[in-house]
Structures are given as structure tokens and as C-alpha cells.
Amino acid sequence: MRSIPDSMDLAVVAAVDARLAGVEADHDVRVLWAIESGSRAWGFPSPDSDYDCRFLYVRPVDHYLGLRRLRDVIETPIDAVFDVGGWDLRKALALMVKGNATAGEWLRSPIVYRGDPEARDLLLDVADDVVDRFALTRHHLHVARNSLALLASSGRLKKFFYALRPVVTLRWLRLHDGVAVPPMDLPALMREAAVPDDVRVASDDLVALKARTRELGTADVPPVLMAFVDAELAVAESSLPGLESSRTDRSRAREWDRAEEAFLELLAAG
């Protein structure tokens, strides 16, 4: 499976493909899913945005049986253009059960370098089955609050978008109670979270401005967007006590079992 928009530099995409092939050869792993993360996949790139490739990989069975644990992260050299790194499948599944949002976002990236759609669909099913809405809500609240603090101290436009995306995600989670994994990109989140028209229009205008602004550029945020962010954060914070009480030891044990089933299935598929 591959999904590369026309806006991507094909020479850079080819270089990312080469890095992924090198990772498989050098580390004796199989890349299950490789996507673009960061502002390009989130829907608000700047002209000088770098390329953030993230991937999930699995090792041969015997690598998981030894006494010594191998690193569960693979990184390649970072420079002004490339940031390519990935997680072991076992790490990704464990973090899913613990409520980490990152692996689920990778599975829903709109930009895919390569991957097995059946593996992706299986992992999305796991993410839905093991969702910890308290942990997800707390995660997105933390990211939004931290980004707003950085916006206040730096004035950098991208910091507002780093707050807006998790805020719209929080609204999406509230409106989609039976689904765990929201879209990664801001335009899809805006559509599926049914944000007010004035908020959507203001966001679209700000995205267009960022497309003409360098990564470190500054700009004023429209009051309608700041009001929306503040209101959604207040609603999400008020929901936390009820979300925390919904977790039980039995449900946690079942979630670990579900994640382990998926791990063994994908391990055997190699």
C-alpha cells in the first residue's frame, strides 16, 4: 500500500524508501507500516518543513526468544530534511494498551510510504479494542496545554497548530464514543468533529498562512480559534473523572490478551 500526495518531493520520497530498505537489511527486520508524521501529514506544513517518516517493524521470531532484550527503537541519522525512525511491534502494542496515542495516529496517517493494509487493519482493530479514553484524553490535554504555553512564550504559529490538532481530537473523541482511533490530519478531524463553520474557516485561513510561513514564523491567532480551544479544553477536563472510573482490572487483562494475540499473529505472518 502506498499513498503519496503530489506535493511531496519525489526525490526525498525515494531517499526515504532507500532508508527503509536499509533498515530492513541492516537490522534484520520487516517493516510493517511506514508513514509520514509531523506537519505534512497533520495538514499544516510550512515551505521548509522536514520529512518525518515513522514506521512499525517486526523481528524474526528467534530475536524475541533470547535472554538479552534488543532495542525496541530504530533510528536513522537526522538532518535538515530527514527524520526517519520506528518502533518494534511489541513496543507499539504495549503502548497502545497503556493509552499512548502515537501508534494509533501512525496507523491513520494519510501519507503512506509502504505497508501491509491487513496488518494495519488488524492493529486498528486492536486499538479500538484496548482504548483507554482516560489516558487518551489526558494525553491530548497535556499536549494542547503545553503547546499553548510555548505559543505564549515564542509566538510561533506552529505551536498553535500543535494545540489545535489535539483539541479537535478531543472533540472528535467525545463525538465518536464507539471508535478509538481518530484521523491524524487536521482537515479530516475538522470534518468528522463537526466544528462550527466560523472555526473551520478561520482554521483554513491560518493553514494557508502557515503554508507561506517558515517553520519558525510568527502570526496572530484569530480570537474565534482561541475561544474554541479554551472551550473545548474545559469540556475535556471536566470529563476526566468519569472516564477514569470506567477502567477495571478485568478489562485491562482482556486488553493485554488482545494485544498479545495480534502480536503473535503478525509475528507468525512473517
Protein backbone atom coordinates (compact mmCIF):
# COMPACT_ATOMS: atom_id res chain seq x y z
CA MET A 1 0.00 0.00 0.00
CA ARG A 2 1.28 3.46 -0.89
CA SER A 3 -0.30 6.93 -0.71
CA ILE A 4 1.97 9.84 -1.62
CA PRO A 5 0.47 13.26 -2.49
CA ASP A 6 1.73 15.31 -5.41
CA SER A 7 3.04 17.95 -3.01
CA MET A 8 5.79 15.58 -1.81
CA ASP A 9 9.28 15.89 -3.31
CA LEU A 10 9.71 12.62 -5.20
CA ALA A 11 13.49 12.67 -4.75
CA VAL A 12 13.02 12.88 -0.98
CA VAL A 13 10.39 10.12 -1.08
CA ALA A 14 12.85 7.90 -2.97
CA ALA A 15 15.51 8.64 -0.36
CA VAL A 16 13.07 7.68 2.42
CA ASP A 17 12.33 4.43 0.58
CA ALA A 18 16.06 3.74 0.43
CA ARG A 19 16.42 4.34 4.16
CA LEU A 20 13.59 1.92 4.90
CA ALA A 21 15.22 -0.74 2.73
CA GLY A 22 18.49 -0.12 4.57
CA VAL A 23 16.78 -0.51 7.93
CA GLU A 24 15.41 -3.91 6.92
CA ALA A 25 18.78 -5.09 5.62
CA ASP A 26 20.94 -3.70 8.44
CA HIS A 27 18.70 -4.71 11.35
CA ASP A 28 17.12 -7.92 10.01
CA VAL A 29 13.58 -6.62 10.48
CA ARG A 30 10.40 -6.44 8.42
CA VAL A 31 8.76 -3.02 8.10
CA LEU A 32 5.01 -3.49 8.53
CA TRP A 33 3.89 0.09 8.13
CA ALA A 34 5.78 3.27 7.16
CA ILE A 35 4.09 6.67 7.08
CA GLU A 36 4.70 10.39 7.19
CA SER A 37 4.08 12.08 10.51
CA GLY A 38 4.62 15.71 11.51
CA SER A 39 3.15 18.78 9.90
CA ARG A 40 2.96 17.34 6.37
CA ALA A 41 0.67 14.52 7.50
CA TRP A 42 -1.12 16.70 10.04
CA GLY A 43 -2.27 19.03 7.28
CA PHE A 44 -0.40 22.25 8.07
CA PRO A 45 3.11 22.15 6.55
CA SER A 46 5.41 25.13 6.08
CA PRO A 47 7.58 25.58 2.98
CA ASP A 48 10.63 24.38 4.92
CA SER A 49 9.00 21.51 6.84
CA ASP A 50 11.20 18.42 7.02
CA TYR A 51 10.10 14.84 6.28
CA ASP A 52 9.15 12.81 9.36
CA CYS A 53 8.88 9.14 8.41
CA ARG A 54 7.74 6.79 11.17
CA PHE A 55 7.46 3.02 10.89
CA LEU A 56 6.48 -0.13 12.76
CA TYR A 57 8.64 -3.20 12.34
CA VAL A 58 8.81 -6.82 13.49
CA ARG A 59 11.87 -9.02 14.01
CA PRO A 60 12.25 -12.74 13.27
CA VAL A 61 10.74 -14.97 15.96
CA ASP A 62 14.08 -16.08 17.43
CA HIS A 63 15.04 -12.48 18.15
CA TYR A 64 12.26 -12.33 20.74
CA LEU A 65 13.36 -15.55 22.49
CA GLY A 66 16.86 -14.63 23.67
CA LEU A 67 17.84 -13.61 27.18
CA ARG A 68 19.07 -10.22 26.05
CA ARG A 69 16.43 -7.72 25.02
CA LEU A 70 17.15 -5.95 21.74
CA ARG A 71 16.42 -2.25 21.40
CA ASP A 72 12.79 -1.64 20.52
CA VAL A 73 13.52 1.56 18.57
CA ILE A 74 15.43 2.01 15.30
CA GLU A 75 16.70 5.47 14.41
CA THR A 76 18.48 6.78 11.33
CA PRO A 77 20.58 9.97 11.17
CA ILE A 78 18.52 13.18 11.46
CA ASP A 79 19.31 16.21 9.32
CA ALA A 80 17.50 19.27 7.94
CA VAL A 81 15.43 17.15 5.54
CA PHE A 82 15.06 13.67 7.06
CA ASP A 83 13.80 12.34 10.37
CA VAL A 84 13.23 8.61 9.92
CA GLY A 85 12.68 6.26 12.86
CA GLY A 86 10.46 3.45 14.06
CA TRP A 87 9.20 1.20 16.84
CA ASP A 88 9.21 -2.53 17.34
CA LEU A 89 5.71 -4.00 17.02
CA ARG A 90 5.83 -5.27 20.60
CA LYS A 91 6.59 -1.78 21.89
CA ALA A 92 3.79 -0.26 19.82
CA LEU A 93 1.19 -2.73 21.08
CA ALA A 94 2.25 -2.34 24.71
CA LEU A 95 1.98 1.43 24.42
CA MET A 96 -1.47 1.10 22.86
CA VAL A 97 -2.71 -0.83 25.88
CA LYS A 98 -1.21 1.80 28.18
CA GLY A 99 -3.15 4.52 26.39
CA ASN A 100 -0.42 6.03 24.23
CA ALA A 101 -1.93 7.77 21.19
CA THR A 102 1.09 7.77 18.88
CA ALA A 103 0.91 4.30 17.30
CA GLY A 104 -2.78 4.72 16.55
CA GLU A 105 -2.08 8.01 14.80
CA TRP A 106 0.59 6.38 12.65
CA LEU A 107 -1.97 3.80 11.54
CA ARG A 108 -4.27 6.57 10.30
CA SER A 109 -1.73 8.79 8.59
CA PRO A 110 -2.97 9.97 5.17
CA ILE A 111 0.58 9.66 3.77
CA VAL A 112 1.84 6.08 3.49
CA TYR A 113 5.28 5.19 2.13
CA ARG A 114 4.56 1.50 2.21
CA GLY A 115 2.83 -1.11 4.31
CA ASP A 116 0.58 -4.12 4.67
CA PRO A 117 -3.06 -2.93 4.84
CA GLU A 118 -4.14 -6.18 6.52
CA ALA A 119 -1.60 -5.62 9.29
CA ARG A 120 -2.75 -2.01 9.60
CA ASP A 121 -6.40 -3.05 9.85
CA LEU A 122 -5.60 -5.66 12.49
CA LEU A 123 -3.73 -3.10 14.57
CA LEU A 124 -6.55 -0.57 14.20
CA ASP A 125 -8.96 -3.23 15.49
CA VAL A 126 -6.68 -3.75 18.48
CA ALA A 127 -6.53 0.00 19.10
CA ASP A 128 -10.33 0.12 19.16
CA ASP A 129 -10.50 -2.89 21.50
CA VAL A 130 -7.93 -1.65 24.03
CA VAL A 131 -8.67 2.07 24.02
CA ASP A 132 -8.13 3.86 27.33
CA ARG A 133 -10.16 7.02 26.83
CA PHE A 134 -8.96 8.48 30.11
CA ALA A 135 -5.32 8.13 29.04
CA LEU A 136 -6.02 9.44 25.52
CA THR A 137 -7.92 12.44 26.85
CA ARG A 138 -5.23 13.22 29.38
CA HIS A 139 -2.54 12.89 26.68
CA HIS A 140 -4.21 15.30 24.27
CA LEU A 141 -4.96 17.75 27.09
CA HIS A 142 -1.29 17.73 28.08
CA VAL A 143 -0.08 18.26 24.52
CA ALA A 144 -2.53 21.12 23.95
CA ARG A 145 -1.75 22.88 27.24
CA ASN A 146 2.00 22.53 26.74
CA SER A 147 1.76 23.84 23.17
CA LEU A 148 -0.29 26.85 24.27
CA ALA A 149 2.37 27.68 26.84
CA LEU A 150 5.05 27.50 24.13
CA LEU A 151 2.90 29.69 21.87
CA ALA A 152 2.67 32.30 24.60
CA SER A 153 6.44 32.34 25.09
CA SER A 154 7.51 32.16 21.45
CA GLY A 155 4.65 33.43 19.29
CA ARG A 156 5.44 30.73 16.73
CA LEU A 157 2.43 29.87 14.62
CA LYS A 158 3.17 26.16 14.52
CA LYS A 159 2.78 25.97 18.31
CA PHE A 160 -0.85 26.99 17.95
CA PHE A 161 -1.45 24.22 15.44
CA TYR A 162 0.22 21.80 17.86
CA ALA A 163 -2.52 22.83 20.32
CA LEU A 164 -5.40 22.99 17.85
CA ARG A 165 -4.99 19.47 16.48
CA PRO A 166 -5.22 17.73 19.91
CA VAL A 167 -8.11 19.99 20.86
CA VAL A 168 -10.10 18.98 17.78
CA THR A 169 -9.09 15.38 18.54
CA LEU A 170 -10.62 15.72 22.00
CA ARG A 171 -13.85 16.93 20.43
CA TRP A 172 -13.72 14.02 17.95
CA LEU A 173 -13.30 11.51 20.78
CA ARG A 174 -16.30 12.96 22.58
CA LEU A 175 -18.48 12.66 19.48
CA HIS A 176 -17.27 9.17 18.46
CA ASP A 177 -17.74 7.19 21.63
CA GLY A 178 -17.54 3.77 19.97
CA VAL A 179 -14.35 4.39 17.97
CA ALA A 180 -10.86 4.75 19.41
CA VAL A 181 -8.59 6.00 16.67
CA PRO A 182 -9.23 9.48 15.25
CA PRO A 183 -7.80 10.73 11.98
CA MET A 184 -4.26 12.11 12.15
CA ASP A 185 -4.78 15.12 9.89
CA LEU A 186 -6.47 18.35 10.93
CA PRO A 187 -8.79 18.71 7.88
CA ALA A 188 -10.31 15.26 8.45
CA LEU A 189 -10.60 15.92 12.18
CA MET A 190 -12.39 19.20 11.49
CA ARG A 191 -14.90 17.47 9.20
CA GLU A 192 -15.57 14.49 11.45
CA ALA A 193 -15.72 16.53 14.66
CA ALA A 194 -18.37 18.85 13.17
CA VAL A 195 -16.64 22.05 14.30
CA PRO A 196 -18.58 25.30 13.81
CA ASP A 197 -18.27 26.87 10.37
CA ASP A 198 -16.53 30.01 11.65
CA VAL A 199 -13.89 27.90 13.38
CA ARG A 200 -13.31 25.79 10.27
CA VAL A 201 -12.98 28.85 8.01
CA ALA A 202 -10.58 30.56 10.41
CA SER A 203 -8.53 27.38 10.65
CA ASP A 204 -8.37 27.02 6.85
CA ASP A 205 -7.18 30.61 6.54
CA LEU A 206 -4.49 30.04 9.16
CA VAL A 207 -3.34 26.84 7.44
CA ALA A 208 -2.99 28.82 4.20
CA LEU A 209 -0.93 31.43 6.05
CA LYS A 210 1.34 28.76 7.52
CA ALA A 211 1.89 27.33 4.03
CA ARG A 212 3.58 30.67 3.23
CA THR A 213 5.41 30.97 6.56
CA ARG A 214 8.66 29.34 7.60
CA GLU A 215 8.65 26.85 10.47
CA LEU A 216 9.83 29.49 12.95
CA GLY A 217 7.40 32.14 11.69
CA THR A 218 5.04 34.05 13.96
CA ALA A 219 1.45 35.25 13.46
CA ASP A 220 -1.58 36.37 15.44
CA VAL A 221 -4.18 33.70 16.17
CA PRO A 222 -7.80 34.71 15.42
CA PRO A 223 -9.88 35.17 18.61
CA VAL A 224 -12.52 32.71 17.32
CA LEU A 225 -9.91 29.95 17.32
CA MET A 226 -8.56 30.77 20.77
CA ALA A 227 -12.11 30.82 22.17
CA PHE A 228 -12.82 27.45 20.57
CA VAL A 229 -9.63 25.94 22.01
CA ASP A 230 -10.34 27.25 25.52
CA ALA A 231 -13.93 25.98 25.48
CA GLU A 232 -13.01 22.51 24.23
CA LEU A 233 -10.23 22.14 26.79
CA ALA A 234 -12.65 22.99 29.59
CA VAL A 235 -15.14 20.37 28.37
CA ALA A 236 -12.43 17.70 28.09
CA GLU A 237 -11.02 18.43 31.55
CA SER A 238 -14.48 18.15 33.10
CA SER A 239 -14.91 14.68 31.56
CA LEU A 240 -11.78 13.12 33.09
CA PRO A 241 -13.25 11.82 36.41
CA GLY A 242 -15.95 9.80 34.64
CA LEU A 243 -13.52 8.36 32.12
CA GLU A 244 -11.08 7.21 34.81
CA SER A 245 -13.78 5.36 36.74
CA SER A 246 -14.72 3.25 33.71
CA ARG A 247 -11.50 1.19 33.82
CA THR A 248 -11.36 -2.18 35.64
CA ASP A 249 -8.65 -4.76 36.29
CA ARG A 250 -10.61 -7.30 34.27
CA SER A 251 -10.83 -5.03 31.24
CA ARG A 252 -7.10 -4.29 31.44
CA ALA A 253 -6.26 -8.01 31.48
CA ARG A 254 -8.51 -8.61 28.47
CA GLU A 255 -6.81 -5.76 26.59
CA TRP A 256 -3.34 -7.22 27.17
CA ASP A 257 -4.62 -10.58 25.89
CA ARG A 258 -6.00 -8.94 22.77
CA ALA A 259 -2.73 -7.14 22.06
CA GLU A 260 -0.72 -10.33 22.55
CA GLU A 261 -2.96 -12.22 20.12
CA ALA A 262 -2.28 -9.58 17.46
CA PHE A 263 1.45 -9.63 18.16
CA LEU A 264 1.65 -13.41 17.73
CA GLU A 265 -0.49 -13.30 14.57
CA LEU A 266 1.73 -10.70 12.91
CA LEU A 267 4.88 -12.41 14.10
CA ALA A 268 3.75 -15.70 12.54
CA ALA A 269 2.82 -13.96 9.29
CA GLY A 270 6.48 -13.16 8.62
